[in-house]
């Protein structure tokens, strides 16, 4: 009877736990349906009052879904829904504002522009994460992954909303189709962008930090530089693919036009090669980041030589 009771309890737990694990899926499907309905009604009516709804739904759907999915994989009870909401919204906004200020006053057009963007944005998100989680009694690496992802996805959501709103305005007036295309593309790429990069840094930061301090380690410093490089490569992949395509297939006539300041018309083969290089590069960067995240999760809470211990004020 004891064994039967245990089996019954286990079955009941499994039956009740499964819906909770799939809560993120229900949220995604519901949000996707609402977004599609909003797109259809907006296109059918041309009502500009629906544009904010379209922008917010499209920009936040994928980030919120992945944060809910990550929340189910937290390590301790200290990572509450309230903390997750704070890191997503407050961390995302603080990261966007800090990055905007620093990029405006520190960066100028140069070959290293995208590297500067990566360094600034990853530093801004990491600082926001550390500030919002400074009162946690225990800093487990698994929780660092979840909270880092939350800050990163919050950053991505607000950034995507800005890009979608900007895409609405064209030289020919308002373009709802361009807004929708921007949201689809950024939604598709969101899981392997900001959330993934900041999750890596959050796991590394928490793995060496204690109750009363955050630790600056060689591992964190190298991880920050590595993530910033991935970020820079991601942002500059369009330019890299264009350059490689020209080097491999460019004709003397096309180079002559470029020297005169004109944009040459690409051939069908060049367009195909450019597309393959662009998407291939993004896929490669994503795979590297995913493998890196897996390694961080496996090496959780391993000691690393400490450069500086930053005390936490309470």
Protein backbone atom coordinates (compact mmCIF):
# COMPACT_ATOMS: atom_id res chain seq x y z
CA UNK A 1 0.00 0.00 0.00
CA UNK A 2 2.87 2.33 0.80
CA UNK A 3 4.40 1.82 -2.64
CA UNK A 4 1.03 2.34 -4.31
CA UNK A 5 0.49 5.55 -2.39
CA UNK A 6 3.90 6.83 -3.38
CA UNK A 7 3.22 6.01 -7.03
CA UNK A 8 -0.16 7.76 -6.86
CA UNK A 9 1.39 10.88 -5.31
CA UNK A 10 4.13 10.89 -7.92
CA UNK A 11 1.58 10.61 -10.71
CA UNK A 12 -0.47 13.45 -9.23
CA UNK A 13 2.64 15.65 -8.95
CA UNK A 14 3.64 14.89 -12.53
CA UNK A 15 0.14 15.66 -13.77
CA UNK A 16 0.04 19.03 -11.96
CA UNK A 17 3.64 19.96 -12.76
CA UNK A 18 3.31 19.41 -16.51
CA UNK A 19 0.81 22.26 -17.08
CA UNK A 20 3.04 24.63 -15.09
CA UNK A 21 6.02 23.74 -17.22
CA UNK A 22 4.00 24.48 -20.33
CA UNK A 23 2.66 27.80 -19.04
CA UNK A 24 5.17 29.62 -21.24
CA UNK A 25 3.82 27.81 -24.30
CA UNK A 26 0.25 28.89 -23.56
CA UNK A 27 1.41 32.46 -23.10
CA UNK A 28 3.29 32.36 -26.41
CA UNK A 29 0.41 30.87 -28.41
CA UNK A 30 -2.13 33.27 -26.89
CA UNK A 31 0.13 36.26 -27.50
CA UNK A 32 0.89 35.14 -31.06
CA UNK A 33 -2.83 34.81 -31.83
CA UNK A 34 -3.50 38.28 -30.40
CA UNK A 35 -0.62 39.75 -32.42
CA UNK A 36 -1.87 38.17 -35.67
CA UNK A 37 -5.38 39.47 -34.99
CA UNK A 38 -3.96 42.93 -34.31
CA UNK A 39 -2.01 42.85 -37.58
CA UNK A 40 -5.10 41.81 -39.56
CA UNK A 41 -7.39 44.39 -37.97
CA UNK A 42 -4.80 47.18 -38.29
CA UNK A 43 -4.21 46.43 -41.97
CA UNK A 44 -7.95 46.13 -42.62
CA UNK A 45 -8.98 49.32 -40.86
CA UNK A 46 -5.85 51.48 -41.10
CA UNK A 47 -6.58 52.62 -37.53
CA UNK A 48 -3.41 54.32 -36.18
CA UNK A 49 -4.63 53.86 -32.60
CA UNK A 50 -3.78 50.15 -32.91
CA UNK A 51 -0.13 50.77 -33.75
CA UNK A 52 1.05 50.94 -30.08
CA UNK A 53 -0.69 47.61 -29.41
CA UNK A 54 0.95 46.09 -32.49
CA UNK A 55 4.40 47.37 -31.49
CA UNK A 56 4.18 46.25 -27.86
CA UNK A 57 2.75 42.79 -28.60
CA UNK A 58 5.29 42.07 -31.31
CA UNK A 59 8.25 43.37 -29.34
CA UNK A 60 7.50 41.73 -26.00
CA UNK A 61 5.96 38.39 -27.01
CA UNK A 62 9.14 36.35 -27.56
CA UNK A 63 11.20 37.95 -24.73
CA UNK A 64 8.42 37.45 -22.17
CA UNK A 65 7.90 33.85 -23.32
CA UNK A 66 11.57 32.97 -22.88
CA UNK A 67 11.73 34.65 -19.47
CA UNK A 68 8.78 32.55 -18.31
CA UNK A 69 10.49 29.44 -19.66
CA UNK A 70 13.71 30.34 -17.82
CA UNK A 71 11.81 31.09 -14.60
CA UNK A 72 10.83 27.43 -14.38
CA UNK A 73 14.54 26.54 -14.24
CA UNK A 74 15.56 28.78 -11.33
CA UNK A 75 17.61 27.25 -8.53
CA UNK A 76 16.32 28.93 -5.36
CA UNK A 77 13.13 30.44 -3.99
CA UNK A 78 14.79 33.85 -3.85
CA UNK A 79 14.17 34.25 -7.56
CA UNK A 80 10.54 35.33 -7.23
CA UNK A 81 8.12 36.55 -9.88
CA UNK A 82 8.53 40.06 -8.45
CA UNK A 83 12.32 39.94 -8.88
CA UNK A 84 11.94 38.52 -12.38
CA UNK A 85 9.57 41.35 -13.32
CA UNK A 86 11.98 43.91 -11.85
CA UNK A 87 14.98 42.59 -13.73
CA UNK A 88 13.01 42.37 -16.98
CA UNK A 89 11.43 45.84 -16.89
CA UNK A 90 13.74 47.92 -14.71
CA UNK A 91 16.90 46.15 -15.85
CA UNK A 92 15.88 46.39 -19.49
CA UNK A 93 15.09 50.10 -19.28
CA UNK A 94 18.22 50.94 -17.27
CA UNK A 95 20.32 49.03 -19.77
CA UNK A 96 18.76 50.77 -22.77
CA UNK A 97 19.09 54.24 -21.21
CA UNK A 98 22.68 53.74 -20.08
CA UNK A 99 23.72 52.28 -23.43
CA UNK A 100 22.04 55.13 -25.31
CA UNK A 101 23.82 57.79 -23.28
CA UNK A 102 27.23 56.16 -23.51
CA UNK A 103 26.95 55.38 -27.22
CA UNK A 104 25.86 58.94 -27.99
CA UNK A 105 28.81 60.59 -26.23
CA UNK A 106 31.56 57.97 -26.60
CA UNK A 107 31.11 56.41 -30.03
CA UNK A 108 31.79 57.91 -33.42
CA UNK A 109 31.78 56.34 -36.91
CA UNK A 110 34.86 54.13 -37.16
CA UNK A 111 35.86 50.52 -38.03
CA UNK A 112 35.57 49.69 -34.31
CA UNK A 113 32.09 51.17 -33.93
CA UNK A 114 30.26 47.86 -33.51
CA UNK A 115 32.83 46.62 -30.99
CA UNK A 116 32.20 49.78 -28.98
CA UNK A 117 28.47 49.08 -29.10
CA UNK A 118 29.05 45.53 -27.84
CA UNK A 119 31.29 46.66 -24.99
CA UNK A 120 28.89 49.40 -23.88
CA UNK A 121 25.63 47.44 -24.10
CA UNK A 122 26.99 44.32 -22.39
CA UNK A 123 28.49 46.44 -19.60
CA UNK A 124 25.20 48.32 -19.15
CA UNK A 125 23.19 45.10 -18.86
CA UNK A 126 25.70 43.52 -16.49
CA UNK A 127 25.70 46.60 -14.25
CA UNK A 128 21.88 46.63 -14.20
CA UNK A 129 21.84 42.94 -13.27
CA UNK A 130 24.31 43.42 -10.42
CA UNK A 131 22.41 46.43 -9.06
CA UNK A 132 19.00 44.74 -9.05
CA UNK A 133 20.23 41.46 -7.51
CA UNK A 134 22.61 42.90 -4.91
CA UNK A 135 20.34 41.91 -1.99
CA UNK A 136 20.15 38.20 -2.81
CA UNK A 137 21.40 36.16 0.13
CA UNK A 138 22.69 33.34 -2.07
CA UNK A 139 23.98 33.83 -5.58
CA UNK A 140 23.72 30.55 -7.43
CA UNK A 141 25.05 30.36 -10.96
CA UNK A 142 21.77 28.82 -12.18
CA UNK A 143 19.88 31.84 -10.84
CA UNK A 144 22.43 34.13 -12.47
CA UNK A 145 21.63 32.51 -15.81
CA UNK A 146 17.89 33.10 -15.32
CA UNK A 147 18.17 36.67 -14.05
CA UNK A 148 20.79 37.57 -16.65
CA UNK A 149 18.48 36.29 -19.36
CA UNK A 150 15.66 38.36 -17.86
CA UNK A 151 17.68 41.58 -18.04
CA UNK A 152 18.85 40.75 -21.56
CA UNK A 153 15.37 39.95 -22.84
CA UNK A 154 14.02 43.11 -21.22
CA UNK A 155 16.70 45.09 -23.05
CA UNK A 156 15.82 43.30 -26.30
CA UNK A 157 12.09 43.97 -25.88
CA UNK A 158 12.45 47.72 -25.38
CA UNK A 159 15.07 47.95 -28.13
CA UNK A 160 12.84 46.02 -30.54
CA UNK A 161 9.92 48.34 -29.75
CA UNK A 162 12.12 51.27 -30.75
CA UNK A 163 13.21 49.61 -33.99
CA UNK A 164 9.63 48.64 -34.86
CA UNK A 165 8.37 52.16 -34.25
CA UNK A 166 11.19 53.62 -36.36
CA UNK A 167 10.49 51.13 -39.18
CA UNK A 168 6.95 52.47 -39.36
CA UNK A 169 8.15 55.74 -40.86
CA UNK A 170 9.46 55.69 -44.43
CA UNK A 171 10.01 58.26 -47.17
CA UNK A 172 6.61 57.30 -48.62
CA UNK A 173 4.81 57.70 -45.30
CA UNK A 174 3.67 55.09 -42.77
CA UNK A 175 4.48 51.47 -43.65
CA UNK A 176 2.68 48.88 -41.53
CA UNK A 177 4.17 46.04 -43.56
CA UNK A 178 7.71 47.22 -42.76
CA UNK A 179 6.80 47.40 -39.08
CA UNK A 180 5.44 43.84 -39.18
CA UNK A 181 8.51 42.55 -41.04
CA UNK A 182 10.81 44.18 -38.48
CA UNK A 183 8.94 42.59 -35.58
CA UNK A 184 8.95 39.18 -37.24
CA UNK A 185 12.69 39.29 -37.88
CA UNK A 186 13.61 40.58 -34.42
CA UNK A 187 11.22 38.12 -32.78
CA UNK A 188 12.83 35.25 -34.69
CA UNK A 189 16.33 36.32 -33.64
CA UNK A 190 15.50 37.39 -30.06
CA UNK A 191 16.23 34.01 -28.37
CA UNK A 192 19.86 34.03 -29.55
CA UNK A 193 20.64 37.70 -28.93
CA UNK A 194 20.67 39.90 -25.84
CA UNK A 195 19.02 37.37 -23.53
CA UNK A 196 21.54 34.67 -24.36
CA UNK A 197 24.57 36.95 -24.01
CA UNK A 198 23.52 38.41 -20.66
CA UNK A 199 22.58 34.96 -19.36
CA UNK A 200 26.20 33.91 -19.91
CA UNK A 201 27.50 36.92 -17.98
CA UNK A 202 24.94 36.44 -15.20
CA UNK A 203 25.96 32.82 -14.68
CA UNK A 204 29.66 33.71 -14.57
CA UNK A 205 29.07 36.67 -12.22
CA UNK A 206 26.99 34.67 -9.74
CA UNK A 207 29.28 31.63 -9.80
CA UNK A 208 32.07 33.54 -8.02
CA UNK A 209 30.02 35.97 -5.91
CA UNK A 210 29.04 35.59 -2.27
CA UNK A 211 26.40 36.86 0.11
CA UNK A 212 28.02 40.23 0.77
CA UNK A 213 29.96 40.83 -2.42
CA UNK A 214 30.15 40.57 -6.16
CA UNK A 215 33.43 39.22 -7.46
CA UNK A 216 35.35 40.56 -10.43
CA UNK A 217 37.30 37.57 -11.74
CA UNK A 218 39.46 36.87 -14.77
CA UNK A 219 36.74 34.52 -15.99
CA UNK A 220 34.11 37.29 -15.79
CA UNK A 221 36.40 39.79 -17.53
CA UNK A 222 37.20 37.38 -20.36
CA UNK A 223 33.55 36.38 -20.65
CA UNK A 224 32.53 40.02 -20.90
CA UNK A 225 35.06 40.67 -23.66
CA UNK A 226 34.06 37.48 -25.48
CA UNK A 227 30.34 38.28 -25.32
CA UNK A 228 31.04 41.84 -26.51
CA UNK A 229 32.92 40.42 -29.51
CA UNK A 230 30.00 38.09 -30.34
CA UNK A 231 27.67 41.08 -30.03
CA UNK A 232 29.87 43.14 -32.36
CA UNK A 233 30.09 40.36 -34.94
CA UNK A 234 26.31 39.93 -34.80
CA UNK A 235 25.67 43.63 -35.42
CA UNK A 236 28.26 43.88 -38.19
CA UNK A 237 27.40 40.62 -39.98
CA UNK A 238 25.60 42.49 -42.77
CA UNK A 239 28.74 44.53 -43.51
CA UNK A 240 31.01 41.50 -43.18
CA UNK A 241 28.88 39.46 -45.59
CA UNK A 242 28.81 42.35 -48.06
CA UNK A 243 32.59 42.76 -47.91
CA UNK A 244 33.28 39.04 -48.33
CA UNK A 245 30.83 38.86 -51.24
CA UNK A 246 32.59 41.73 -53.02
CA UNK A 247 36.05 40.28 -52.37
CA UNK A 248 35.06 36.86 -53.73
CA UNK A 249 32.82 37.83 -56.63
CA UNK A 250 33.26 41.55 -57.30
CA UNK A 251 33.96 42.66 -60.88
CA UNK A 252 36.31 45.48 -61.96
CA UNK A 253 33.30 47.47 -63.08
CA UNK A 254 31.67 47.19 -59.63
CA UNK A 255 34.87 48.26 -57.86
CA UNK A 256 35.17 51.21 -60.22
CA UNK A 257 31.65 52.32 -59.34
CA UNK A 258 32.42 52.02 -55.62
CA UNK A 259 35.53 54.18 -56.01
CA UNK A 260 33.35 56.87 -57.60
CA UNK A 261 30.84 56.69 -54.76
CA UNK A 262 28.12 54.77 -56.61
CA UNK A 263 26.39 51.61 -55.42
CA UNK A 264 26.73 48.81 -57.99
CA UNK A 265 23.80 46.56 -58.81
CA UNK A 266 24.52 43.04 -57.47
CA UNK A 267 24.10 39.98 -59.64
CA UNK A 268 21.74 37.14 -58.74
CA UNK A 269 24.71 34.99 -57.67
CA UNK A 270 26.06 37.77 -55.46
CA UNK A 271 22.65 38.26 -53.82
CA UNK A 272 22.45 34.54 -53.08
CA UNK A 273 25.99 34.42 -51.67
CA UNK A 274 25.34 37.50 -49.52
CA UNK A 275 22.20 35.92 -48.05
CA UNK A 276 24.02 32.65 -47.29
CA UNK A 277 26.93 34.47 -45.64
CA UNK A 278 24.65 36.74 -43.60
CA UNK A 279 22.46 33.99 -42.19
CA UNK A 280 25.32 31.53 -41.93
CA UNK A 281 27.28 34.00 -39.84
CA UNK A 282 24.34 34.64 -37.50
CA UNK A 283 23.74 30.91 -37.09
CA UNK A 284 27.42 30.30 -36.31
CA UNK A 285 27.46 33.08 -33.68
CA UNK A 286 24.29 31.65 -32.13
CA UNK A 287 25.75 28.14 -31.93
CA UNK A 288 28.91 29.46 -30.27
CA UNK A 289 26.84 31.36 -27.70
CA UNK A 290 24.58 28.37 -26.99
CA UNK A 291 27.54 26.06 -26.46
CA UNK A 292 29.13 28.69 -24.24
CA UNK A 293 25.94 28.96 -22.17
CA UNK A 294 25.91 25.18 -21.75
CA UNK A 295 29.54 25.26 -20.57
CA UNK A 296 28.75 28.01 -18.05
CA UNK A 297 25.87 25.97 -16.67
CA UNK A 298 28.11 22.89 -16.33
CA UNK A 299 30.89 24.83 -14.62
CA UNK A 300 28.50 26.50 -12.20
CA UNK A 301 29.90 27.66 -8.87
CA UNK A 302 33.49 26.66 -9.63
CA UNK A 303 36.06 28.89 -7.99
CA UNK A 304 37.95 31.39 -10.13
CA UNK A 305 40.94 33.62 -9.23
CA UNK A 306 39.51 36.88 -7.90
CA UNK A 307 40.70 40.27 -9.10
CA UNK A 308 38.47 42.48 -6.99
CA UNK A 309 35.74 41.92 -4.44
CA UNK A 310 32.97 44.51 -4.68
CA UNK A 311 31.15 44.88 -1.33
CA UNK A 312 27.36 45.10 -1.39
CA UNK A 313 25.72 47.90 0.58
CA UNK A 314 22.44 47.02 2.21
